Amino acid sequence: MVETARDFLIPDESASLSNFYKFNYLDQLVYDENVDQIWIQKKGEKRLSDPKFRQFNRWNLALFKRELSGIRQKMSVREIDELKGAGLFANQVLAEMTCVGEYTGIVKKRDRKKDRDNSYIFEYAIDTFDTGYVIDAEKQGNHTRFINHSDQPNLISRWLLIENLPRIIFFTNRRIEKDEELTVDYGPYYWE
């Protein structure tokens, strides 16, 4: 029997969600064997030497500590239509500055030719410093891989350094109503 599209509650039904959409659910980043984590950590440590960035990073880590340790808001993945596919929706009212999760997947070397048609690629940088790596959530990721684009998004992403390694978190930029789709602006490079 083939399962038909339905709502998947996050995090309760993450296993069913990953089976239905044929991907491996990851709660945290996984690093490909070709990724130089020590080099990335040294770049992160250097970035944290800036007092303003260190304070910003510390404040965000304190604000989102609970969510980054695995506790999530009540959300669901729902089918929208054939063009958009599925999207992530709030199952409750979410206040402004509410964390909805970290973008997870496989950190790997960027391959512009192979990655061109992969809609689940997110640049893995340290603030404005390009590392040459990306996060690929096509085959392994979490609920944030279902966040769709909007020109008027209700989420923003932030780079945080945890143990000197970059992580991307999404949080609300305004109050979100129950059953509202969670969206982010993919940026101009996505559409090239």
Foldseek 3Di string as FASTA:
>chain_A
DQDDFDKAKPPVRFVVVCVNLQAAEDQAAAEDPPDDVVVLLVVLVVVCVPVVQVVVQVVLCVLCVVVNVPDAAIKIWGADDPVLGIFIFHQAKDAAFAWHGWWYAYKDADDCVVCVPQPQWAQQANVPHGPRIIGHPNRYTGNVSRAEADPDFQKEWDWHADSSGTIIIITGRGIHHRGDTGHYHPDDVNVD
